Amino acid sequence: MKIVIITGSSHGIGAATAIACAKRGMGVIVTYHNSPQAAEQVVQMIEQQGGKAVALKLNVADSSSFEAFKDTALSALKRQWQRVSFDYLVNNAGYGLFNPIETVTEAEFDGLFNVHLKGPFFLTQTLLPLMADGGHIVNLTSATTRCAFAGVAPYAAFKGGLEVLTRYMAKELGTRQIRANSISPGPIRTELGGGLNDEFEALLSSMTALSRVGEPEEVGSVIASLLGDDNRWVNAQNIEVSGGYLI
C-alpha cells in the first residue's frame, strides 16, 4: 500500500484529495492545524469506505515544529502500516488574503510566505529521509500565478515561487526517482479567502470557459490520479485545474 501525507486536509481541496487517494487504495495521513474534529471526520469517511487513515496536528507556518511532526508521523507509520517510510507528499495547506499592495502589512506578508513557500520548502526537506525512493511530491499553487487578480499579490507571488521550487525539487531528487509536480487550481468552492458569496461566484464563473466555479473533488481527483503509476512519466510540470479560467 502506498501512503500519502496531505497537509491541510481537514477540509476543502485537502480533504477531497485525502478521500480520492483512499479510494485509490492509498493509506492517508491527514494533517490539520485548528480543526481536529473536521480532520477526524475525514478519517472516519475514509475508514467507512474500507480505507486506512490517521489525523495528525501540523502547523505549516512553524518550521521549528517540523522535526517533532516527523517523529509523530514515523510513529503513526509504524503503528498503522508497519512501515518506516511513506510514498507521497501533497503540500496543500494554505489560506487566502485579499488586500491591495498599498495596504499589505509586513505581518500579513510574512504569514503568507511562511505557509505558502517557506513551509513547503522546509517540511519537504524534513520529511525527505522518510520518503521512499520512487515517491512523488505535489505542491498546490494557483491560477493567480498566470492571471493577475488585484488584491492577492503576496499570495500569488509565493505560489509562483512554489512553482519554481517544484521544478528544482524534480531536478535535485530525480536521482532517487522522486517526481515533483504542481497543481494550479482556478476558482474553487472552498473557504479560502473567506469563501464565495453569490456576487463573487458569478464574477468568477463569467471568467471561466465552463461557466462555473470548480468543486474541491474535481481538484482532489486530479491530484490522486497524478500520484498513480499511470502518470509516472509526468515530472516537473505545473498542471492547471481551472475549467478554462481566463483563457
C-alpha atoms as a PDB file:
ATOM      1  CA  MET A   1       0.000   0.000   0.000  1.00  0.00           C
ATOM      2  CA  LYS A   2       1.229   3.473  -0.913  1.00  0.00           C
ATOM      3  CA  ILE A   3       0.975   6.112   1.813  1.00  0.00           C
ATOM      4  CA  VAL A   4       0.397   9.825   1.299  1.00  0.00           C
ATOM      5  CA  ILE A   5       0.796  12.772   3.669  1.00  0.00           C
ATOM      6  CA  ILE A   6      -1.528  15.649   2.793  1.00  0.00           C
ATOM      7  CA  THR A   7      -1.108  18.964   4.599  1.00  0.00           C
ATOM      8  CA  GLY A   8      -4.200  20.979   5.398  1.00  0.00           C
ATOM      9  CA  SER A   9      -6.511  18.071   4.674  1.00  0.00           C
ATOM     10  CA  SER A  10      -9.255  18.617   7.243  1.00  0.00           C
ATOM     11  CA  HIS A  11     -11.388  20.492   4.707  1.00  0.00           C
ATOM     12  CA  GLY A  12     -11.561  21.809   1.144  1.00  0.00           C
ATOM     13  CA  ILE A  13      -9.216  20.534  -1.538  1.00  0.00           C
ATOM     14  CA  GLY A  14      -7.068  18.717   1.021  1.00  0.00           C
ATOM     15  CA  ALA A  15      -9.981  16.708   2.385  1.00  0.00           C
ATOM     16  CA  ALA A  16     -11.210  15.909  -1.127  1.00  0.00           C
ATOM     17  CA  THR A  17      -7.703  14.760  -2.043  1.00  0.00           C
ATOM     18  CA  ALA A  18      -7.488  12.545   1.048  1.00  0.00           C
ATOM     19  CA  ILE A  19     -10.762  10.825   0.170  1.00  0.00           C
ATOM     20  CA  ALA A  20      -9.797  10.452  -3.500  1.00  0.00           C
ATOM     21  CA  CYS A  21      -6.427   8.927  -2.578  1.00  0.00           C
ATOM     22  CA  ALA A  22      -8.062   6.481  -0.170  1.00  0.00           C
ATOM     23  CA  LYS A  23     -10.488   5.389  -2.884  1.00  0.00           C
ATOM     24  CA  ARG A  24      -7.444   4.508  -4.986  1.00  0.00           C
ATOM     25  CA  GLY A  25      -6.100   2.267  -2.223  1.00  0.00           C
ATOM     26  CA  MET A  26      -3.635   4.625  -0.548  1.00  0.00           C
ATOM     27  CA  GLY A  27      -3.148   4.992   3.168  1.00  0.00           C
ATOM     28  CA  VAL A  28      -3.595   8.628   4.188  1.00  0.00           C
ATOM     29  CA  ILE A  29      -2.048  10.829   6.856  1.00  0.00           C
ATOM     30  CA  VAL A  30      -4.455  13.744   7.243  1.00  0.00           C
ATOM     31  CA  THR A  31      -2.984  16.859   8.823  1.00  0.00           C
ATOM     32  CA  TYR A  32      -4.785  19.755  10.453  1.00  0.00           C
ATOM     33  CA  HIS A  33      -3.918  22.912  12.343  1.00  0.00           C
ATOM     34  CA  ASN A  34      -7.063  24.207  14.057  1.00  0.00           C
ATOM     35  CA  SER A  35      -9.721  21.678  13.050  1.00  0.00           C
ATOM     36  CA  PRO A  36      -9.175  18.331  14.812  1.00  0.00           C
ATOM     37  CA  GLN A  37     -12.852  17.375  14.627  1.00  0.00           C
ATOM     38  CA  ALA A  38     -13.016  18.054  10.895  1.00  0.00           C
ATOM     39  CA  ALA A  39      -9.859  16.009  10.388  1.00  0.00           C
ATOM     40  CA  GLU A  40     -11.328  13.098  12.338  1.00  0.00           C
ATOM     41  CA  GLN A  41     -14.453  13.286  10.186  1.00  0.00           C
ATOM     42  CA  VAL A  42     -12.264  12.872   7.094  1.00  0.00           C
ATOM     43  CA  VAL A  43     -10.569   9.873   8.719  1.00  0.00           C
ATOM     44  CA  GLN A  44     -13.959   8.366   9.559  1.00  0.00           C
ATOM     45  CA  MET A  45     -15.200   8.824   5.987  1.00  0.00           C
ATOM     46  CA  ILE A  46     -12.107   7.019   4.703  1.00  0.00           C
ATOM     47  CA  GLU A  47     -12.487   4.190   7.211  1.00  0.00           C
ATOM     48  CA  GLN A  48     -16.190   3.793   6.406  1.00  0.00           C
ATOM     49  CA  GLN A  49     -15.172   3.157   2.803  1.00  0.00           C
ATOM     50  CA  GLY A  50     -12.699   0.482   3.886  1.00  0.00           C
ATOM     51  CA  GLY A  51      -9.577   2.645   3.830  1.00  0.00           C
ATOM     52  CA  LYS A  52      -6.993   3.424   6.479  1.00  0.00           C
ATOM     53  CA  ALA A  53      -6.096   6.903   7.681  1.00  0.00           C
ATOM     54  CA  VAL A  54      -4.828   8.839  10.676  1.00  0.00           C
ATOM     55  CA  ALA A  55      -5.067  12.533  11.608  1.00  0.00           C
ATOM     56  CA  LEU A  56      -2.006  14.428  12.905  1.00  0.00           C
ATOM     57  CA  LYS A  57      -1.628  18.041  14.005  1.00  0.00           C
ATOM     58  CA  LEU A  58       0.731  20.191  11.930  1.00  0.00           C
ATOM     59  CA  ASN A  59       1.343  23.936  11.800  1.00  0.00           C
ATOM     60  CA  VAL A  60       2.916  24.574   8.395  1.00  0.00           C
ATOM     61  CA  ALA A  61       3.682  28.161   9.424  1.00  0.00           C
ATOM     62  CA  ASP A  62       6.036  26.971  12.188  1.00  0.00           C
ATOM     63  CA  SER A  63       9.084  25.301  10.671  1.00  0.00           C
ATOM     64  CA  SER A  64      10.546  24.717  14.153  1.00  0.00           C
ATOM     65  CA  SER A  65       7.800  22.126  14.712  1.00  0.00           C
ATOM     66  CA  PHE A  66       8.649  20.001  11.683  1.00  0.00           C
ATOM     67  CA  GLU A  67      11.146  17.672  13.377  1.00  0.00           C
ATOM     68  CA  ALA A  68       8.572  16.803  16.032  1.00  0.00           C
ATOM     69  CA  PHE A  69       5.982  16.219  13.313  1.00  0.00           C
ATOM     70  CA  LYS A  70       8.397  13.877  11.536  1.00  0.00           C
ATOM     71  CA  ASP A  71       8.736  11.822  14.720  1.00  0.00           C
ATOM     72  CA  THR A  72       4.949  11.741  15.158  1.00  0.00           C
ATOM     73  CA  ALA A  73       4.472  10.716  11.532  1.00  0.00           C
ATOM     74  CA  LEU A  74       7.046   7.946  11.902  1.00  0.00           C
ATOM     75  CA  SER A  75       5.215   6.597  14.938  1.00  0.00           C
ATOM     76  CA  ALA A  76       1.935   6.661  13.002  1.00  0.00           C
ATOM     77  CA  LEU A  77       3.518   4.861  10.057  1.00  0.00           C
ATOM     78  CA  LYS A  78       4.794   2.102  12.332  1.00  0.00           C
ATOM     79  CA  ARG A  79       1.513   1.789  14.215  1.00  0.00           C
ATOM     80  CA  GLN A  80      -0.932   1.984  11.309  1.00  0.00           C
ATOM     81  CA  TRP A  81       1.011   0.466   8.413  1.00  0.00           C
ATOM     82  CA  GLN A  82       4.034  -1.292   9.940  1.00  0.00           C
ATOM     83  CA  ARG A  83       6.309   0.893   7.828  1.00  0.00           C
ATOM     84  CA  VAL A  84       9.076   3.395   8.448  1.00  0.00           C
ATOM     85  CA  SER A  85       8.525   5.346   5.235  1.00  0.00           C
ATOM     86  CA  PHE A  86       5.796   6.982   3.181  1.00  0.00           C
ATOM     87  CA  ASP A  87       5.474   7.490  -0.577  1.00  0.00           C
ATOM     88  CA  TYR A  88       3.772  10.761  -1.439  1.00  0.00           C
ATOM     89  CA  LEU A  89       3.676  14.290  -0.028  1.00  0.00           C
ATOM     90  CA  VAL A  90       0.988  16.785  -1.014  1.00  0.00           C
ATOM     91  CA  ASN A  91       1.820  20.327   0.143  1.00  0.00           C
ATOM     92  CA  ASN A  92      -1.708  21.718   0.173  1.00  0.00           C
ATOM     93  CA  ALA A  93      -2.130  23.763   3.374  1.00  0.00           C
ATOM     94  CA  GLY A  94      -2.820  27.422   2.786  1.00  0.00           C
ATOM     95  CA  TYR A  95      -5.062  30.421   3.253  1.00  0.00           C
ATOM     96  CA  GLY A  96      -6.054  33.454   1.235  1.00  0.00           C
ATOM     97  CA  LEU A  97      -5.842  37.192   1.862  1.00  0.00           C
ATOM     98  CA  PHE A  98      -7.408  39.896  -0.280  1.00  0.00           C
ATOM     99  CA  ASN A  99      -5.519  43.131   0.242  1.00  0.00           C
ATOM    100  CA  PRO A 100      -4.068  45.679  -2.228  1.00  0.00           C
ATOM    101  CA  ILE A 101      -0.292  46.047  -2.373  1.00  0.00           C
ATOM    102  CA  GLU A 102      -0.545  49.527  -0.845  1.00  0.00           C
ATOM    103  CA  THR A 103      -2.031  48.221   2.389  1.00  0.00           C
ATOM    104  CA  VAL A 104      -0.402  44.786   2.895  1.00  0.00           C
ATOM    105  CA  THR A 105       1.354  44.736   6.257  1.00  0.00           C
ATOM    106  CA  GLU A 106       4.683  43.074   6.897  1.00  0.00           C
ATOM    107  CA  ALA A 107       2.992  40.644   9.277  1.00  0.00           C
ATOM    108  CA  GLU A 108       0.477  39.649   6.576  1.00  0.00           C
ATOM    109  CA  PHE A 109       3.308  39.251   4.062  1.00  0.00           C
ATOM    110  CA  ASP A 110       5.339  37.082   6.431  1.00  0.00           C
ATOM    111  CA  GLY A 111       2.329  34.946   7.329  1.00  0.00           C
ATOM    112  CA  LEU A 112       1.604  34.131   3.689  1.00  0.00           C
ATOM    113  CA  PHE A 113       5.288  33.497   2.998  1.00  0.00           C
ATOM    114  CA  ASN A 114       5.629  31.099   5.914  1.00  0.00           C
ATOM    115  CA  VAL A 115       2.664  28.961   4.861  1.00  0.00           C
ATOM    116  CA  HIS A 116       2.935  29.033   1.078  1.00  0.00           C
ATOM    117  CA  LEU A 117       6.681  28.915   0.393  1.00  0.00           C
ATOM    118  CA  LYS A 118       8.898  28.561   3.462  1.00  0.00           C
ATOM    119  CA  GLY A 119       6.667  25.889   4.988  1.00  0.00           C
ATOM    120  CA  PRO A 120       6.554  23.584   1.946  1.00  0.00           C
ATOM    121  CA  PHE A 121      10.317  24.000   1.437  1.00  0.00           C
ATOM    122  CA  PHE A 122      11.382  23.033   4.947  1.00  0.00           C
ATOM    123  CA  LEU A 123       8.633  20.482   5.553  1.00  0.00           C
ATOM    124  CA  THR A 124       9.680  18.655   2.404  1.00  0.00           C
ATOM    125  CA  GLN A 125      13.332  18.884   3.469  1.00  0.00           C
ATOM    126  CA  THR A 126      12.477  17.494   6.906  1.00  0.00           C
ATOM    127  CA  LEU A 127      10.380  14.608   5.608  1.00  0.00           C
ATOM    128  CA  LEU A 128      12.681  13.522   2.764  1.00  0.00           C
ATOM    129  CA  PRO A 129      14.513  10.957   4.948  1.00  0.00           C
ATOM    130  CA  LEU A 130      11.161   9.205   5.473  1.00  0.00           C
ATOM    131  CA  MET A 131      10.088   9.357   1.832  1.00  0.00           C
ATOM    132  CA  ALA A 132      10.596   6.150  -0.115  1.00  0.00           C
ATOM    133  CA  ASP A 133      12.611   6.228  -3.329  1.00  0.00           C
ATOM    134  CA  GLY A 134      10.254   6.480  -6.282  1.00  0.00           C
ATOM    135  CA  GLY A 135       7.982   8.830  -4.352  1.00  0.00           C
ATOM    136  CA  HIS A 136       6.121  11.903  -5.531  1.00  0.00           C
ATOM    137  CA  ILE A 137       5.725  15.468  -4.277  1.00  0.00           C
ATOM    138  CA  VAL A 138       2.726  17.534  -5.356  1.00  0.00           C
ATOM    139  CA  ASN A 139       2.647  21.228  -4.494  1.00  0.00           C
ATOM    140  CA  LEU A 140      -0.593  23.207  -4.654  1.00  0.00           C
ATOM    141  CA  THR A 141      -0.101  26.530  -6.444  1.00  0.00           C
ATOM    142  CA  SER A 142      -2.724  28.786  -8.033  1.00  0.00           C
ATOM    143  CA  ALA A 143      -4.033  30.098 -11.336  1.00  0.00           C
ATOM    144  CA  THR A 144      -3.277  33.556  -9.928  1.00  0.00           C
ATOM    145  CA  THR A 145       0.362  32.957 -10.869  1.00  0.00           C
ATOM    146  CA  ARG A 146      -0.733  33.057 -14.536  1.00  0.00           C
ATOM    147  CA  CYS A 147      -3.579  35.590 -14.339  1.00  0.00           C
ATOM    148  CA  ALA A 148      -3.130  38.694 -12.218  1.00  0.00           C
ATOM    149  CA  PHE A 149      -6.125  39.335  -9.972  1.00  0.00           C
ATOM    150  CA  ALA A 150      -5.963  42.520  -7.895  1.00  0.00           C
ATOM    151  CA  GLY A 151      -5.599  42.035  -4.148  1.00  0.00           C
ATOM    152  CA  VAL A 152      -3.657  38.779  -3.999  1.00  0.00           C
ATOM    153  CA  ALA A 153      -0.118  39.895  -4.886  1.00  0.00           C
ATOM    154  CA  PRO A 154       1.806  38.288  -1.967  1.00  0.00           C
ATOM    155  CA  TYR A 155      -0.215  35.062  -2.162  1.00  0.00           C
ATOM    156  CA  ALA A 156       0.303  34.775  -5.920  1.00  0.00           C
ATOM    157  CA  ALA A 157       3.994  35.690  -5.678  1.00  0.00           C
ATOM    158  CA  PHE A 158       4.680  32.928  -3.170  1.00  0.00           C
ATOM    159  CA  LYS A 159       2.645  30.436  -5.182  1.00  0.00           C
ATOM    160  CA  GLY A 160       4.761  31.414  -8.174  1.00  0.00           C
ATOM    161  CA  GLY A 161       7.850  30.732  -6.093  1.00  0.00           C
ATOM    162  CA  LEU A 162       6.431  27.326  -5.219  1.00  0.00           C
ATOM    163  CA  GLU A 163       6.019  26.533  -8.915  1.00  0.00           C
ATOM    164  CA  VAL A 164       9.714  27.275  -9.460  1.00  0.00           C
ATOM    165  CA  LEU A 165      10.661  25.301  -6.353  1.00  0.00           C
ATOM    166  CA  THR A 166       8.715  22.335  -7.738  1.00  0.00           C
ATOM    167  CA  ARG A 167      10.975  22.165 -10.781  1.00  0.00           C
ATOM    168  CA  TYR A 168      14.060  22.305  -8.581  1.00  0.00           C
ATOM    169  CA  MET A 169      12.681  19.506  -6.417  1.00  0.00           C
ATOM    170  CA  ALA A 170      12.227  17.409  -9.551  1.00  0.00           C
ATOM    171  CA  LYS A 171      15.764  18.227 -10.674  1.00  0.00           C
ATOM    172  CA  GLU A 172      17.516  17.517  -7.383  1.00  0.00           C
ATOM    173  CA  LEU A 173      15.504  14.496  -6.260  1.00  0.00           C
ATOM    174  CA  GLY A 174      15.470  12.703  -9.597  1.00  0.00           C
ATOM    175  CA  THR A 175      18.406  10.548  -8.573  1.00  0.00           C
ATOM    176  CA  ARG A 176      16.052   8.950  -6.047  1.00  0.00           C
ATOM    177  CA  GLN A 177      13.356   8.586  -8.708  1.00  0.00           C
ATOM    178  CA  ILE A 178      11.213  11.072  -6.766  1.00  0.00           C
ATOM    179  CA  ARG A 179       8.947  13.137  -9.005  1.00  0.00           C
ATOM    180  CA  ALA A 180       7.668  16.636  -8.248  1.00  0.00           C
ATOM    181  CA  ASN A 181       4.758  18.401  -9.905  1.00  0.00           C
ATOM    182  CA  SER A 182       2.446  21.252  -9.015  1.00  0.00           C
ATOM    183  CA  ILE A 183      -1.310  21.548  -9.358  1.00  0.00           C
ATOM    184  CA  SER A 184      -2.704  25.008 -10.022  1.00  0.00           C
ATOM    185  CA  PRO A 185      -6.418  25.313  -9.149  1.00  0.00           C
ATOM    186  CA  GLY A 186      -8.575  28.058 -10.580  1.00  0.00           C
ATOM    187  CA  PRO A 187     -11.702  29.317  -8.779  1.00  0.00           C
ATOM    188  CA  ILE A 188     -12.855  26.513  -6.457  1.00  0.00           C
ATOM    189  CA  ARG A 189     -15.731  26.420  -3.980  1.00  0.00           C
ATOM    190  CA  THR A 190     -13.719  26.393  -0.743  1.00  0.00           C
ATOM    191  CA  GLU A 191     -13.365  28.528   2.382  1.00  0.00           C
ATOM    192  CA  LEU A 192     -10.094  30.035   1.099  1.00  0.00           C
ATOM    193  CA  GLY A 193     -10.101  33.800   1.491  1.00  0.00           C
ATOM    194  CA  GLY A 194     -13.466  33.748   3.233  1.00  0.00           C
ATOM    195  CA  GLY A 195     -15.300  31.641   0.669  1.00  0.00           C
ATOM    196  CA  LEU A 196     -17.587  32.707  -2.168  1.00  0.00           C
ATOM    197  CA  ASN A 197     -20.662  34.883  -1.982  1.00  0.00           C
ATOM    198  CA  ASP A 198     -23.171  34.876  -4.855  1.00  0.00           C
ATOM    199  CA  GLU A 199     -21.755  38.004  -6.492  1.00  0.00           C
ATOM    200  CA  PHE A 200     -18.145  36.802  -6.383  1.00  0.00           C
ATOM    201  CA  GLU A 201     -19.099  33.351  -7.635  1.00  0.00           C
ATOM    202  CA  ALA A 202     -20.996  34.897 -10.564  1.00  0.00           C
ATOM    203  CA  LEU A 203     -17.952  37.008 -11.430  1.00  0.00           C
ATOM    204  CA  LEU A 204     -15.568  34.051 -11.344  1.00  0.00           C
ATOM    205  CA  SER A 205     -17.999  31.891 -13.319  1.00  0.00           C
ATOM    206  CA  SER A 206     -18.145  34.540 -16.029  1.00  0.00           C
ATOM    207  CA  MET A 207     -14.352  34.331 -16.349  1.00  0.00           C
ATOM    208  CA  THR A 208     -14.348  30.550 -16.771  1.00  0.00           C
ATOM    209  CA  ALA A 209     -14.948  28.752 -20.068  1.00  0.00           C
ATOM    210  CA  LEU A 210     -17.207  26.165 -18.411  1.00  0.00           C
ATOM    211  CA  SER A 211     -19.240  28.990 -16.805  1.00  0.00           C
ATOM    212  CA  ARG A 212     -18.981  27.852 -13.192  1.00  0.00           C
ATOM    213  CA  VAL A 213     -16.531  27.518 -10.332  1.00  0.00           C
ATOM    214  CA  GLY A 214     -14.957  24.165  -9.584  1.00  0.00           C
ATOM    215  CA  GLU A 215     -15.594  21.813  -6.689  1.00  0.00           C
ATOM    216  CA  PRO A 216     -12.850  20.518  -4.338  1.00  0.00           C
ATOM    217  CA  GLU A 217     -13.442  16.957  -5.556  1.00  0.00           C
ATOM    218  CA  GLU A 218     -12.557  17.999  -9.107  1.00  0.00           C
ATOM    219  CA  VAL A 219      -9.090  19.009  -7.942  1.00  0.00           C
ATOM    220  CA  GLY A 220      -8.657  16.154  -5.475  1.00  0.00           C
ATOM    221  CA  SER A 221      -9.294  13.533  -8.130  1.00  0.00           C
ATOM    222  CA  VAL A 222      -6.630  15.061 -10.381  1.00  0.00           C
ATOM    223  CA  ILE A 223      -4.063  15.005  -7.577  1.00  0.00           C
ATOM    224  CA  ALA A 224      -4.865  11.406  -6.689  1.00  0.00           C
ATOM    225  CA  SER A 225      -4.606  10.405 -10.343  1.00  0.00           C
ATOM    226  CA  LEU A 226      -1.289  12.229 -10.751  1.00  0.00           C
ATOM    227  CA  LEU A 227       0.178  10.248  -7.856  1.00  0.00           C
ATOM    228  CA  GLY A 228      -0.602   6.946  -9.557  1.00  0.00           C
ATOM    229  CA  ASP A 229       1.571   4.894 -11.884  1.00  0.00           C
ATOM    230  CA  ASP A 230      -0.452   5.921 -14.942  1.00  0.00           C
ATOM    231  CA  ASN A 231       1.266   9.319 -14.676  1.00  0.00           C
ATOM    232  CA  ARG A 232       4.714   8.079 -13.699  1.00  0.00           C
ATOM    233  CA  TRP A 233       6.389   9.945 -16.593  1.00  0.00           C
ATOM    234  CA  VAL A 234       4.876  13.324 -15.666  1.00  0.00           C
ATOM    235  CA  ASN A 235       7.550  15.304 -13.849  1.00  0.00           C
ATOM    236  CA  ALA A 236       8.484  18.962 -13.182  1.00  0.00           C
ATOM    237  CA  GLN A 237       5.147  20.177 -14.553  1.00  0.00           C
ATOM    238  CA  ASN A 238       2.549  22.686 -13.414  1.00  0.00           C
ATOM    239  CA  ILE A 239      -0.951  21.459 -14.253  1.00  0.00           C
ATOM    240  CA  GLU A 240      -3.762  23.983 -14.112  1.00  0.00           C
ATOM    241  CA  VAL A 241      -7.144  22.622 -12.998  1.00  0.00           C
ATOM    242  CA  SER A 242      -9.485  25.526 -13.624  1.00  0.00           C
ATOM    243  CA  GLY A 243     -12.195  24.668 -16.132  1.00  0.00           C
ATOM    244  CA  GLY A 244     -10.623  27.166 -18.543  1.00  0.00           C
ATOM    245  CA  TYR A 245     -10.130  30.229 -16.310  1.00  0.00           C
ATOM    246  CA  LEU A 246      -9.322  33.459 -18.172  1.00  0.00           C
ATOM    247  CA  ILE A 247      -8.276  31.876 -21.475  1.00  0.00           C
END
